[in-house]
mmCIF file of all heavy atoms, coordinates in Angstrom:
data_MODEL
# 
_entry.id   MODEL 
# 
loop_
_atom_site.group_PDB 
_atom_site.id 
_atom_site.type_symbol 
_atom_site.label_atom_id 
_atom_site.label_alt_id 
_atom_site.label_comp_id 
_atom_site.label_asym_id 
_atom_site.label_entity_id 
_atom_site.label_seq_id 
_atom_site.pdbx_PDB_ins_code 
_atom_site.Cartn_x 
_atom_site.Cartn_y 
_atom_site.Cartn_z 
_atom_site.occupancy 
_atom_site.B_iso_or_equiv 
_atom_site.pdbx_formal_charge 
_atom_site.auth_seq_id 
_atom_site.auth_comp_id 
_atom_site.auth_asym_id 
_atom_site.auth_atom_id 
_atom_site.pdbx_PDB_model_num 
ATOM 1   N N   . GLY A 1 1  ? 10.177 -4.876  -23.126 1.00 0.00 ? 1  GLY A N   1 
ATOM 2   C CA  . GLY A 1 1  ? 9.967  -3.820  -24.109 1.00 0.00 ? 1  GLY A CA  1 
ATOM 3   C C   . GLY A 1 1  ? 9.043  -4.222  -25.238 1.00 0.00 ? 1  GLY A C   1 
ATOM 4   O O   . GLY A 1 1  ? 9.161  -5.316  -25.804 1.00 0.00 ? 1  GLY A O   1 
ATOM 5   N N   . PHE A 1 2  ? 8.097  -3.337  -25.593 1.00 0.00 ? 2  PHE A N   1 
ATOM 6   C CA  . PHE A 1 2  ? 7.216  -3.517  -26.746 1.00 0.00 ? 2  PHE A CA  1 
ATOM 7   C C   . PHE A 1 2  ? 6.453  -4.838  -26.685 1.00 0.00 ? 2  PHE A C   1 
ATOM 8   O O   . PHE A 1 2  ? 6.303  -5.536  -27.682 1.00 0.00 ? 2  PHE A O   1 
ATOM 9   C CB  . PHE A 1 2  ? 8.016  -3.429  -28.047 1.00 0.00 ? 2  PHE A CB  1 
ATOM 10  C CG  . PHE A 1 2  ? 8.833  -2.181  -28.163 1.00 0.00 ? 2  PHE A CG  1 
ATOM 11  C CD1 . PHE A 1 2  ? 10.214 -2.220  -28.052 1.00 0.00 ? 2  PHE A CD1 1 
ATOM 12  C CD2 . PHE A 1 2  ? 8.225  -0.956  -28.349 1.00 0.00 ? 2  PHE A CD2 1 
ATOM 13  C CE1 . PHE A 1 2  ? 10.971 -1.060  -28.138 1.00 0.00 ? 2  PHE A CE1 1 
ATOM 14  C CE2 . PHE A 1 2  ? 8.973  0.208   -28.444 1.00 0.00 ? 2  PHE A CE2 1 
ATOM 15  C CZ  . PHE A 1 2  ? 10.343 0.150   -28.335 1.00 0.00 ? 2  PHE A CZ  1 
ATOM 16  N N   . ARG A 1 3  ? 5.973  -5.160  -25.486 1.00 0.00 ? 3  ARG A N   1 
ATOM 17  C CA  . ARG A 1 3  ? 5.175  -6.365  -25.303 1.00 0.00 ? 3  ARG A CA  1 
ATOM 18  C C   . ARG A 1 3  ? 3.877  -6.007  -24.591 1.00 0.00 ? 3  ARG A C   1 
ATOM 19  O O   . ARG A 1 3  ? 3.877  -5.149  -23.705 1.00 0.00 ? 3  ARG A O   1 
ATOM 20  C CB  . ARG A 1 3  ? 5.950  -7.416  -24.500 1.00 0.00 ? 3  ARG A CB  1 
ATOM 21  C CG  . ARG A 1 3  ? 7.183  -7.940  -25.207 1.00 0.00 ? 3  ARG A CG  1 
ATOM 22  C CD  . ARG A 1 3  ? 7.887  -8.995  -24.376 1.00 0.00 ? 3  ARG A CD  1 
ATOM 23  N NE  . ARG A 1 3  ? 7.017  -10.120 -24.086 1.00 0.00 ? 3  ARG A NE  1 
ATOM 24  C CZ  . ARG A 1 3  ? 7.317  -11.093 -23.210 1.00 0.00 ? 3  ARG A CZ  1 
ATOM 25  N NH1 . ARG A 1 3  ? 8.454  -11.039 -22.545 1.00 0.00 ? 3  ARG A NH1 1 
ATOM 26  N NH2 . ARG A 1 3  ? 6.463  -12.084 -23.004 1.00 0.00 ? 3  ARG A NH2 1 
ATOM 27  N N   . PRO A 1 4  ? 2.771  -6.650  -24.953 1.00 0.00 ? 4  PRO A N   1 
ATOM 28  C CA  . PRO A 1 4  ? 1.480  -6.315  -24.325 1.00 0.00 ? 4  PRO A CA  1 
ATOM 29  C C   . PRO A 1 4  ? 1.497  -6.588  -22.827 1.00 0.00 ? 4  PRO A C   1 
ATOM 30  O O   . PRO A 1 4  ? 1.996  -7.627  -22.367 1.00 0.00 ? 4  PRO A O   1 
ATOM 31  C CB  . PRO A 1 4  ? 0.484  -7.232  -25.055 1.00 0.00 ? 4  PRO A CB  1 
ATOM 32  C CG  . PRO A 1 4  ? 1.305  -8.318  -25.674 1.00 0.00 ? 4  PRO A CG  1 
ATOM 33  C CD  . PRO A 1 4  ? 2.634  -7.706  -25.981 1.00 0.00 ? 4  PRO A CD  1 
ATOM 34  N N   . GLY A 1 5  ? 0.961  -5.652  -22.064 1.00 0.00 ? 5  GLY A N   1 
ATOM 35  C CA  . GLY A 1 5  ? 0.854  -5.826  -20.626 1.00 0.00 ? 5  GLY A CA  1 
ATOM 36  C C   . GLY A 1 5  ? 2.155  -5.672  -19.877 1.00 0.00 ? 5  GLY A C   1 
ATOM 37  O O   . GLY A 1 5  ? 2.240  -6.028  -18.690 1.00 0.00 ? 5  GLY A O   1 
ATOM 38  N N   . ARG A 1 6  ? 3.196  -5.137  -20.549 1.00 0.00 ? 6  ARG A N   1 
ATOM 39  C CA  . ARG A 1 6  ? 4.491  -4.963  -19.888 1.00 0.00 ? 6  ARG A CA  1 
ATOM 40  C C   . ARG A 1 6  ? 4.942  -3.519  -20.032 1.00 0.00 ? 6  ARG A C   1 
ATOM 41  O O   . ARG A 1 6  ? 4.521  -2.814  -20.942 1.00 0.00 ? 6  ARG A O   1 
ATOM 42  C CB  . ARG A 1 6  ? 5.531  -5.922  -20.469 1.00 0.00 ? 6  ARG A CB  1 
ATOM 43  C CG  . ARG A 1 6  ? 5.227  -7.348  -20.062 1.00 0.00 ? 6  ARG A CG  1 
ATOM 44  C CD  . ARG A 1 6  ? 6.159  -8.364  -20.681 1.00 0.00 ? 6  ARG A CD  1 
ATOM 45  N NE  . ARG A 1 6  ? 5.981  -9.610  -19.951 1.00 0.00 ? 6  ARG A NE  1 
ATOM 46  C CZ  . ARG A 1 6  ? 6.825  -10.074 -19.042 1.00 0.00 ? 6  ARG A CZ  1 
ATOM 47  N NH1 . ARG A 1 6  ? 7.922  -9.407  -18.757 1.00 0.00 ? 6  ARG A NH1 1 
ATOM 48  N NH2 . ARG A 1 6  ? 6.579  -11.193 -18.407 1.00 0.00 ? 6  ARG A NH2 1 
ATOM 49  N N   . SER A 1 7  ? 5.823  -3.087  -19.133 1.00 0.00 ? 7  SER A N   1 
ATOM 50  C CA  . SER A 1 7  ? 6.179  -1.676  -19.098 1.00 0.00 ? 7  SER A CA  1 
ATOM 51  C C   . SER A 1 7  ? 7.553  -1.481  -18.484 1.00 0.00 ? 7  SER A C   1 
ATOM 52  O O   . SER A 1 7  ? 8.132  -2.401  -17.890 1.00 0.00 ? 7  SER A O   1 
ATOM 53  C CB  . SER A 1 7  ? 5.149  -0.900  -18.257 1.00 0.00 ? 7  SER A CB  1 
ATOM 54  O OG  . SER A 1 7  ? 5.208  -1.337  -16.899 1.00 0.00 ? 7  SER A OG  1 
ATOM 55  N N   . THR A 1 8  ? 8.054  -0.262  -18.616 1.00 0.00 ? 8  THR A N   1 
ATOM 56  C CA  . THR A 1 8  ? 9.324  0.074   -17.977 1.00 0.00 ? 8  THR A CA  1 
ATOM 57  C C   . THR A 1 8  ? 9.206  -0.023  -16.458 1.00 0.00 ? 8  THR A C   1 
ATOM 58  O O   . THR A 1 8  ? 10.155 -0.413  -15.787 1.00 0.00 ? 8  THR A O   1 
ATOM 59  C CB  . THR A 1 8  ? 9.756  1.493   -18.360 1.00 0.00 ? 8  THR A CB  1 
ATOM 60  O OG1 . THR A 1 8  ? 8.689  2.409   -18.074 1.00 0.00 ? 8  THR A OG1 1 
ATOM 61  C CG2 . THR A 1 8  ? 10.105 1.583   -19.836 1.00 0.00 ? 8  THR A CG2 1 
ATOM 62  N N   . ARG A 1 9  ? 8.043  0.338   -15.932 1.00 0.00 ? 9  ARG A N   1 
ATOM 63  C CA  . ARG A 1 9  ? 7.869  0.268   -14.473 1.00 0.00 ? 9  ARG A CA  1 
ATOM 64  C C   . ARG A 1 9  ? 7.995  -1.171  -13.976 1.00 0.00 ? 9  ARG A C   1 
ATOM 65  O O   . ARG A 1 9  ? 8.604  -1.436  -12.933 1.00 0.00 ? 9  ARG A O   1 
ATOM 66  C CB  . ARG A 1 9  ? 6.517  0.854   -14.075 1.00 0.00 ? 9  ARG A CB  1 
ATOM 67  C CG  . ARG A 1 9  ? 6.312  0.922   -12.571 1.00 0.00 ? 9  ARG A CG  1 
ATOM 68  C CD  . ARG A 1 9  ? 5.070  1.710   -12.195 1.00 0.00 ? 9  ARG A CD  1 
ATOM 69  N NE  . ARG A 1 9  ? 5.195  3.111   -12.557 1.00 0.00 ? 9  ARG A NE  1 
ATOM 70  C CZ  . ARG A 1 9  ? 4.293  4.030   -12.233 1.00 0.00 ? 9  ARG A CZ  1 
ATOM 71  N NH1 . ARG A 1 9  ? 3.210  3.693   -11.558 1.00 0.00 ? 9  ARG A NH1 1 
ATOM 72  N NH2 . ARG A 1 9  ? 4.468  5.285   -12.583 1.00 0.00 ? 9  ARG A NH2 1 
ATOM 73  N N   . MET A 1 10 ? 7.441  -2.124  -14.729 1.00 0.00 ? 10 MET A N   1 
ATOM 74  C CA  . MET A 1 10 ? 7.564  -3.528  -14.355 1.00 0.00 ? 10 MET A CA  1 
ATOM 75  C C   . MET A 1 10 ? 9.019  -3.983  -14.426 1.00 0.00 ? 10 MET A C   1 
ATOM 76  O O   . MET A 1 10 ? 9.484  -4.755  -13.583 1.00 0.00 ? 10 MET A O   1 
ATOM 77  C CB  . MET A 1 10 ? 6.696  -4.389  -15.271 1.00 0.00 ? 10 MET A CB  1 
ATOM 78  C CG  . MET A 1 10 ? 5.204  -4.167  -15.100 1.00 0.00 ? 10 MET A CG  1 
ATOM 79  S SD  . MET A 1 10 ? 4.236  -5.067  -16.339 1.00 0.00 ? 10 MET A SD  1 
ATOM 80  C CE  . MET A 1 10 ? 4.558  -6.761  -15.857 1.00 0.00 ? 10 MET A CE  1 
ATOM 81  N N   . ALA A 1 11 ? 9.739  -3.495  -15.424 1.00 0.00 ? 11 ALA A N   1 
ATOM 82  C CA  . ALA A 1 11 ? 11.154 -3.838  -15.545 1.00 0.00 ? 11 ALA A CA  1 
ATOM 83  C C   . ALA A 1 11 ? 11.940 -3.329  -14.336 1.00 0.00 ? 11 ALA A C   1 
ATOM 84  O O   . ALA A 1 11 ? 12.800 -4.033  -13.789 1.00 0.00 ? 11 ALA A O   1 
ATOM 85  C CB  . ALA A 1 11 ? 11.728 -3.254  -16.836 1.00 0.00 ? 11 ALA A CB  1 
ATOM 86  N N   . MET A 1 12 ? 11.639 -2.110  -13.894 1.00 0.00 ? 12 MET A N   1 
ATOM 87  C CA  . MET A 1 12 ? 12.346 -1.554  -12.738 1.00 0.00 ? 12 MET A CA  1 
ATOM 88  C C   . MET A 1 12 ? 11.980 -2.290  -11.452 1.00 0.00 ? 12 MET A C   1 
ATOM 89  O O   . MET A 1 12 ? 12.809 -2.430  -10.547 1.00 0.00 ? 12 MET A O   1 
ATOM 90  C CB  . MET A 1 12 ? 12.052 -0.062  -12.613 1.00 0.00 ? 12 MET A CB  1 
ATOM 91  C CG  . MET A 1 12 ? 12.604 0.784   -13.754 1.00 0.00 ? 12 MET A CG  1 
ATOM 92  S SD  . MET A 1 12 ? 14.370 0.528   -14.088 1.00 0.00 ? 12 MET A SD  1 
ATOM 93  C CE  . MET A 1 12 ? 15.103 1.032   -12.523 1.00 0.00 ? 12 MET A CE  1 
ATOM 94  N N   . ARG A 1 13 ? 10.754 -2.777  -11.358 1.00 0.00 ? 13 ARG A N   1 
ATOM 95  C CA  . ARG A 1 13 ? 10.385 -3.589  -10.198 1.00 0.00 ? 13 ARG A CA  1 
ATOM 96  C C   . ARG A 1 13 ? 11.217 -4.867  -10.149 1.00 0.00 ? 13 ARG A C   1 
ATOM 97  O O   . ARG A 1 13 ? 11.645 -5.316  -9.084  1.00 0.00 ? 13 ARG A O   1 
ATOM 98  C CB  . ARG A 1 13 ? 8.896  -3.937  -10.250 1.00 0.00 ? 13 ARG A CB  1 
ATOM 99  C CG  . ARG A 1 13 ? 7.963  -2.790  -9.899  1.00 0.00 ? 13 ARG A CG  1 
ATOM 100 C CD  . ARG A 1 13 ? 6.525  -3.230  -10.040 1.00 0.00 ? 13 ARG A CD  1 
ATOM 101 N NE  . ARG A 1 13 ? 5.596  -2.147  -9.777  1.00 0.00 ? 13 ARG A NE  1 
ATOM 102 C CZ  . ARG A 1 13 ? 4.315  -2.172  -10.084 1.00 0.00 ? 13 ARG A CZ  1 
ATOM 103 N NH1 . ARG A 1 13 ? 3.806  -3.242  -10.686 1.00 0.00 ? 13 ARG A NH1 1 
ATOM 104 N NH2 . ARG A 1 13 ? 3.532  -1.146  -9.808  1.00 0.00 ? 13 ARG A NH2 1 
ATOM 105 N N   . ARG A 1 14 ? 11.421 -5.456  -11.333 1.00 0.00 ? 14 ARG A N   1 
ATOM 106 C CA  . ARG A 1 14 ? 12.238 -6.674  -11.382 1.00 0.00 ? 14 ARG A CA  1 
ATOM 107 C C   . ARG A 1 14 ? 13.675 -6.364  -10.963 1.00 0.00 ? 14 ARG A C   1 
ATOM 108 O O   . ARG A 1 14 ? 14.300 -7.131  -10.233 1.00 0.00 ? 14 ARG A O   1 
ATOM 109 C CB  . ARG A 1 14 ? 12.197 -7.270  -12.788 1.00 0.00 ? 14 ARG A CB  1 
ATOM 110 C CG  . ARG A 1 14 ? 13.151 -8.447  -13.027 1.00 0.00 ? 14 ARG A CG  1 
ATOM 111 C CD  . ARG A 1 14 ? 12.772 -9.665  -12.210 1.00 0.00 ? 14 ARG A CD  1 
ATOM 112 N NE  . ARG A 1 14 ? 11.593 -10.310 -12.736 1.00 0.00 ? 14 ARG A NE  1 
ATOM 113 C CZ  . ARG A 1 14 ? 11.602 -11.260 -13.674 1.00 0.00 ? 14 ARG A CZ  1 
ATOM 114 N NH1 . ARG A 1 14 ? 12.736 -11.641 -14.215 1.00 0.00 ? 14 ARG A NH1 1 
ATOM 115 N NH2 . ARG A 1 14 ? 10.477 -11.831 -14.066 1.00 0.00 ? 14 ARG A NH2 1 
ATOM 116 N N   . VAL A 1 15 ? 14.225 -5.243  -11.432 1.00 0.00 ? 15 VAL A N   1 
ATOM 117 C CA  . VAL A 1 15 ? 15.571 -4.840  -11.030 1.00 0.00 ? 15 VAL A CA  1 
ATOM 118 C C   . VAL A 1 15 ? 15.641 -4.687  -9.508  1.00 0.00 ? 15 VAL A C   1 
ATOM 119 O O   . VAL A 1 15 ? 16.561 -5.193  -8.857  1.00 0.00 ? 15 VAL A O   1 
ATOM 120 C CB  . VAL A 1 15 ? 15.976 -3.520  -11.713 1.00 0.00 ? 15 VAL A CB  1 
ATOM 121 C CG1 . VAL A 1 15 ? 17.247 -2.939  -11.085 1.00 0.00 ? 15 VAL A CG1 1 
ATOM 122 C CG2 . VAL A 1 15 ? 16.185 -3.735  -13.210 1.00 0.00 ? 15 VAL A CG2 1 
ATOM 123 N N   . LYS A 1 16 ? 14.673 -3.999  -8.946  1.00 0.00 ? 16 LYS A N   1 
ATOM 124 C CA  . LYS A 1 16 ? 14.633 -3.775  -7.495  1.00 0.00 ? 16 LYS A CA  1 
ATOM 125 C C   . LYS A 1 16 ? 14.578 -5.101  -6.736  1.00 0.00 ? 16 LYS A C   1 
ATOM 126 O O   . LYS A 1 16 ? 15.289 -5.301  -5.742  1.00 0.00 ? 16 LYS A O   1 
ATOM 127 C CB  . LYS A 1 16 ? 13.419 -2.913  -7.138  1.00 0.00 ? 16 LYS A CB  1 
ATOM 128 C CG  . LYS A 1 16 ? 13.261 -2.612  -5.648  1.00 0.00 ? 16 LYS A CG  1 
ATOM 129 C CD  . LYS A 1 16 ? 12.097 -1.659  -5.435  1.00 0.00 ? 16 LYS A CD  1 
ATOM 130 C CE  . LYS A 1 16 ? 11.959 -1.261  -3.970  1.00 0.00 ? 16 LYS A CE  1 
ATOM 131 N NZ  . LYS A 1 16 ? 11.419 -2.380  -3.156  1.00 0.00 ? 16 LYS A NZ  1 
ATOM 132 N N   . ALA A 1 17 ? 13.747 -6.027  -7.223  1.00 0.00 ? 17 ALA A N   1 
ATOM 133 C CA  . ALA A 1 17 ? 13.614 -7.319  -6.559  1.00 0.00 ? 17 ALA A CA  1 
ATOM 134 C C   . ALA A 1 17 ? 14.941 -8.076  -6.558  1.00 0.00 ? 17 ALA A C   1 
ATOM 135 O O   . ALA A 1 17 ? 15.352 -8.639  -5.534  1.00 0.00 ? 17 ALA A O   1 
ATOM 136 C CB  . ALA A 1 17 ? 12.528 -8.146  -7.247  1.00 0.00 ? 17 ALA A CB  1 
ATOM 137 N N   . HIS A 1 18 ? 15.640 -8.092  -7.693  1.00 0.00 ? 18 HIS A N   1 
ATOM 138 C CA  . HIS A 1 18 ? 16.920 -8.799  -7.773  1.00 0.00 ? 18 HIS A CA  1 
ATOM 139 C C   . HIS A 1 18 ? 17.963 -8.151  -6.859  1.00 0.00 ? 18 HIS A C   1 
ATOM 140 O O   . HIS A 1 18 ? 18.745 -8.844  -6.199  1.00 0.00 ? 18 HIS A O   1 
ATOM 141 C CB  . HIS A 1 18 ? 17.426 -8.819  -9.209  1.00 0.00 ? 18 HIS A CB  1 
ATOM 142 C CG  . HIS A 1 18 ? 16.667 -9.760  -10.100 1.00 0.00 ? 18 HIS A CG  1 
ATOM 143 N ND1 . HIS A 1 18 ? 16.117 -10.935 -9.658  1.00 0.00 ? 18 HIS A ND1 1 
ATOM 144 C CD2 . HIS A 1 18 ? 16.372 -9.686  -11.430 1.00 0.00 ? 18 HIS A CD2 1 
ATOM 145 C CE1 . HIS A 1 18 ? 15.526 -11.555 -10.659 1.00 0.00 ? 18 HIS A CE1 1 
ATOM 146 N NE2 . HIS A 1 18 ? 15.661 -10.814 -11.746 1.00 0.00 ? 18 HIS A NE2 1 
ATOM 147 N N   . LEU A 1 19 ? 18.000 -6.830  -6.816  1.00 0.00 ? 19 LEU A N   1 
ATOM 148 C CA  . LEU A 1 19 ? 18.949 -6.145  -5.939  1.00 0.00 ? 19 LEU A CA  1 
ATOM 149 C C   . LEU A 1 19 ? 18.684 -6.498  -4.481  1.00 0.00 ? 19 LEU A C   1 
ATOM 150 O O   . LEU A 1 19 ? 19.622 -6.749  -3.707  1.00 0.00 ? 19 LEU A O   1 
ATOM 151 C CB  . LEU A 1 19 ? 18.856 -4.628  -6.144  1.00 0.00 ? 19 LEU A CB  1 
ATOM 152 C CG  . LEU A 1 19 ? 19.363 -4.085  -7.487  1.00 0.00 ? 19 LEU A CG  1 
ATOM 153 C CD1 . LEU A 1 19 ? 19.002 -2.610  -7.635  1.00 0.00 ? 19 LEU A CD1 1 
ATOM 154 C CD2 . LEU A 1 19 ? 20.876 -4.265  -7.608  1.00 0.00 ? 19 LEU A CD2 1 
ATOM 155 N N   . GLU A 1 20 ? 17.419 -6.533  -4.099  1.00 0.00 ? 20 GLU A N   1 
ATOM 156 C CA  . GLU A 1 20 ? 17.072 -6.858  -2.713  1.00 0.00 ? 20 GLU A CA  1 
ATOM 157 C C   . GLU A 1 20 ? 17.351 -8.315  -2.379  1.00 0.00 ? 20 GLU A C   1 
ATOM 158 O O   . GLU A 1 20 ? 17.530 -8.666  -1.214  1.00 0.00 ? 20 GLU A O   1 
ATOM 159 C CB  . GLU A 1 20 ? 15.603 -6.519  -2.455  1.00 0.00 ? 20 GLU A CB  1 
ATOM 160 C CG  . GLU A 1 20 ? 15.339 -5.013  -2.452  1.00 0.00 ? 20 GLU A CG  1 
ATOM 161 C CD  . GLU A 1 20 ? 13.868 -4.674  -2.275  1.00 0.00 ? 20 GLU A CD  1 
ATOM 162 O OE1 . GLU A 1 20 ? 13.018 -5.556  -2.573  1.00 0.00 ? 20 GLU A OE1 1 
ATOM 163 O OE2 . GLU A 1 20 ? 13.569 -3.546  -1.845  1.00 0.00 ? 20 GLU A OE2 1 
ATOM 164 N N   . GLU A 1 21 ? 17.417 -9.169  -3.411  1.00 0.00 ? 21 GLU A N   1 
ATOM 165 C CA  . GLU A 1 21 ? 17.759 -10.581 -3.207  1.00 0.00 ? 21 GLU A CA  1 
ATOM 166 C C   . GLU A 1 21 ? 19.262 -10.787 -3.066  1.00 0.00 ? 21 GLU A C   1 
ATOM 167 O O   . GLU A 1 21 ? 19.713 -11.906 -2.807  1.00 0.00 ? 21 GLU A O   1 
ATOM 168 C CB  . GLU A 1 21 ? 17.237 -11.412 -4.382  1.00 0.00 ? 21 GLU A CB  1 
ATOM 169 C CG  . GLU A 1 21 ? 15.722 -11.526 -4.442  1.00 0.00 ? 21 GLU A CG  1 
ATOM 170 C CD  . GLU A 1 21 ? 15.228 -12.039 -5.787  1.00 0.00 ? 21 GLU A CD  1 
ATOM 171 O OE1 . GLU A 1 21 ? 16.090 -12.276 -6.680  1.00 0.00 ? 21 GLU A OE1 1 
ATOM 172 O OE2 . GLU A 1 21 ? 14.011 -12.198 -5.958  1.00 0.00 ? 21 GLU A OE2 1 
ATOM 173 N N   . GLY A 1 22 ? 20.044 -9.730  -3.257  1.00 0.00 ? 22 GLY A N   1 
ATOM 174 C CA  . GLY A 1 22 ? 21.492 -9.836  -3.102  1.00 0.00 ? 22 GLY A CA  1 
ATOM 175 C C   . GLY A 1 22 ? 22.278 -9.839  -4.391  1.00 0.00 ? 22 GLY A C   1 
ATOM 176 O O   . GLY A 1 22 ? 23.507 -10.005 -4.373  1.00 0.00 ? 22 GLY A O   1 
ATOM 177 N N   . TYR A 1 23 ? 21.610 -9.630  -5.515  1.00 0.00 ? 23 TYR A N   1 
ATOM 178 C CA  . TYR A 1 23 ? 22.298 -9.577  -6.812  1.00 0.00 ? 23 TYR A CA  1 
ATOM 179 C C   . TYR A 1 23 ? 22.707 -8.128  -7.063  1.00 0.00 ? 23 TYR A C   1 
ATOM 180 O O   . TYR A 1 23 ? 22.059 -7.394  -7.817  1.00 0.00 ? 23 TYR A O   1 
ATOM 181 C CB  . TYR A 1 23 ? 21.398 -10.126 -7.912  1.00 0.00 ? 23 TYR A CB  1 
ATOM 182 C CG  . TYR A 1 23 ? 21.066 -11.586 -7.706  1.00 0.00 ? 23 TYR A CG  1 
ATOM 183 C CD1 . TYR A 1 23 ? 19.971 -11.968 -6.929  1.00 0.00 ? 23 TYR A CD1 1 
ATOM 184 C CD2 . TYR A 1 23 ? 21.877 -12.582 -8.244  1.00 0.00 ? 23 TYR A CD2 1 
ATOM 185 C CE1 . TYR A 1 23 ? 19.678 -13.311 -6.707  1.00 0.00 ? 23 TYR A CE1 1 
ATOM 186 C CE2 . TYR A 1 23 ? 21.598 -13.922 -8.034  1.00 0.00 ? 23 TYR A CE2 1 
ATOM 187 C CZ  . TYR A 1 23 ? 20.502 -14.278 -7.258  1.00 0.00 ? 23 TYR A CZ  1 
ATOM 188 O OH  . TYR A 1 23 ? 20.227 -15.603 -7.046  1.00 0.00 ? 23 TYR A OH  1 
ATOM 189 N N   . THR A 1 24 ? 23.789 -7.731  -6.412  1.00 0.00 ? 24 THR A N   1 
ATOM 190 C CA  . THR A 1 24 ? 24.148 -6.311  -6.330  1.00 0.00 ? 24 THR A CA  1 
ATOM 191 C C   . THR A 1 24 ? 25.290 -5.904  -7.253  1.00 0.00 ? 24 THR A C   1 
ATOM 192 O O   . THR A 1 24 ? 25.679 -4.734  -7.273  1.00 0.00 ? 24 THR A O   1 
ATOM 193 C CB  . THR A 1 24 ? 24.515 -5.954  -4.880  1.00 0.00 ? 24 THR A CB  1 
ATOM 194 O OG1 . THR A 1 24 ? 25.546 -6.846  -4.422  1.00 0.00 ? 24 THR A OG1 1 
ATOM 195 C CG2 . THR A 1 24 ? 23.301 -6.082  -3.969  1.00 0.00 ? 24 THR A CG2 1 
ATOM 196 N N   . TRP A 1 25 ? 25.835 -6.859  -8.013  1.00 0.00 ? 25 TRP A N   1 
ATOM 197 C CA  . TRP A 1 25 ? 26.829 -6.531  -9.033  1.00 0.00 ? 25 TRP A CA  1 
ATOM 198 C C   . TRP A 1 25 ? 26.134 -6.518  -10.389 1.00 0.00 ? 25 TRP A C   1 
ATOM 199 O O   . TRP A 1 25 ? 25.436 -7.465  -10.744 1.00 0.00 ? 25 TRP A O   1 
ATOM 200 C CB  . TRP A 1 25 ? 27.980 -7.539  -9.025  1.00 0.00 ? 25 TRP A CB  1 
ATOM 201 C CG  . TRP A 1 25 ? 28.904 -7.322  -7.872  1.00 0.00 ? 25 TRP A CG  1 
ATOM 202 C CD1 . TRP A 1 25 ? 28.834 -7.891  -6.633  1.00 0.00 ? 25 TRP A CD1 1 
ATOM 203 C CD2 . TRP A 1 25 ? 30.035 -6.449  -7.846  1.00 0.00 ? 25 TRP A CD2 1 
ATOM 204 N NE1 . TRP A 1 25 ? 29.846 -7.427  -5.829  1.00 0.00 ? 25 TRP A NE1 1 
ATOM 205 C CE2 . TRP A 1 25 ? 30.603 -6.542  -6.552  1.00 0.00 ? 25 TRP A CE2 1 
ATOM 206 C CE3 . TRP A 1 25 ? 30.618 -5.595  -8.775  1.00 0.00 ? 25 TRP A CE3 1 
ATOM 207 C CZ2 . TRP A 1 25 ? 31.726 -5.812  -6.183  1.00 0.00 ? 25 TRP A CZ2 1 
ATOM 208 C CZ3 . TRP A 1 25 ? 31.745 -4.875  -8.417  1.00 0.00 ? 25 TRP A CZ3 1 
ATOM 209 C CH2 . TRP A 1 25 ? 32.287 -4.986  -7.134  1.00 0.00 ? 25 TRP A CH2 1 
ATOM 210 N N   . VAL A 1 26 ? 26.312 -5.446  -11.112 1.00 0.00 ? 26 VAL A N   1 
ATOM 211 C CA  . VAL A 1 26 ? 25.525 -5.217  -12.316 1.00 0.00 ? 26 VAL A CA  1 
ATOM 212 C C   . VAL A 1 26 ? 26.427 -5.126  -13.544 1.00 0.00 ? 26 VAL A C   1 
ATOM 213 O O   . VAL A 1 26 ? 27.414 -4.381  -13.544 1.00 0.00 ? 26 VAL A O   1 
ATOM 214 C CB  . VAL A 1 26 ? 24.708 -3.911  -12.181 1.00 0.00 ? 26 VAL A CB  1 
ATOM 215 C CG1 . VAL A 1 26 ? 23.875 -3.675  -13.440 1.00 0.00 ? 26 VAL A CG1 1 
ATOM 216 C CG2 . VAL A 1 26 ? 23.815 -3.966  -10.943 1.00 0.00 ? 26 VAL A CG2 1 
ATOM 217 N N   . VAL A 1 27 ? 26.075 -5.893  -14.577 1.00 0.00 ? 27 VAL A N   1 
ATOM 218 C CA  . VAL A 1 27 ? 26.705 -5.725  -15.884 1.00 0.00 ? 27 VAL A CA  1 
ATOM 219 C C   . VAL A 1 27 ? 25.780 -4.817  -16.689 1.00 0.00 ? 27 VAL A C   1 
ATOM 220 O O   . VAL A 1 27 ? 24.672 -5.212  -17.056 1.00 0.00 ? 27 VAL A O   1 
ATOM 221 C CB  . VAL A 1 27 ? 26.913 -7.060  -16.611 1.00 0.00 ? 27 VAL A CB  1 
ATOM 222 C CG1 . VAL A 1 27 ? 27.734 -6.840  -17.883 1.00 0.00 ? 27 VAL A CG1 1 
ATOM 223 C CG2 . VAL A 1 27 ? 27.605 -8.071  -15.704 1.00 0.00 ? 27 VAL A CG2 1 
ATOM 224 N N   . ASP A 1 28 ? 26.221 -3.615  -16.911 1.00 0.00 ? 28 ASP A N   1 
ATOM 225 C CA  . ASP A 1 28 ? 25.454 -2.598  -17.634 1.00 0.00 ? 28 ASP A CA  1 
ATOM 226 C C   . ASP A 1 28 ? 25.879 -2.657  -19.103 1.00 0.00 ? 28 ASP A C   1 
ATOM 227 O O   . ASP A 1 28 ? 27.011 -2.310  -19.444 1.00 0.00 ? 28 ASP A O   1 
ATOM 228 C CB  . ASP A 1 28 ? 25.743 -1.227  -17.027 1.00 0.00 ? 28 ASP A CB  1 
ATOM 229 C CG  . ASP A 1 28 ? 24.889 -0.119  -17.624 1.00 0.00 ? 28 ASP A CG  1 
ATOM 230 O OD1 . ASP A 1 28 ? 24.045 -0.422  -18.474 1.00 0.00 ? 28 ASP A OD1 1 
ATOM 231 O OD2 . ASP A 1 28 ? 25.074 1.047   -17.236 1.00 0.00 ? 28 ASP A OD2 1 
ATOM 232 N N   . VAL A 1 29 ? 24.979 -3.118  -19.976 1.00 0.00 ? 29 VAL A N   1 
ATOM 233 C CA  . VAL A 1 29 ? 25.336 -3.443  -21.358 1.00 0.00 ? 29 VAL A CA  1 
ATOM 234 C C   . VAL A 1 29 ? 24.848 -2.368  -22.320 1.00 0.00 ? 29 VAL A C   1 
ATOM 235 O O   . VAL A 1 29 ? 23.729 -1.869  -22.196 1.00 0.00 ? 29 VAL A O   1 
ATOM 236 C CB  . VAL A 1 29 ? 24.743 -4.808  -21.773 1.00 0.00 ? 29 VAL A CB  1 
ATOM 237 C CG1 . VAL A 1 29 ? 25.252 -5.223  -23.146 1.00 0.00 ? 29 VAL A CG1 1 
ATOM 238 C CG2 . VAL A 1 29 ? 25.066 -5.877  -20.729 1.00 0.00 ? 29 VAL A CG2 1 
# 
């Protein structure tokens, strides 16, 4: 958030990558 060259879309890509790696339990804070 609020960093040059970064975006919400990039954040969601990271979420997707972790889920596909098997990190399927989520702590929603």
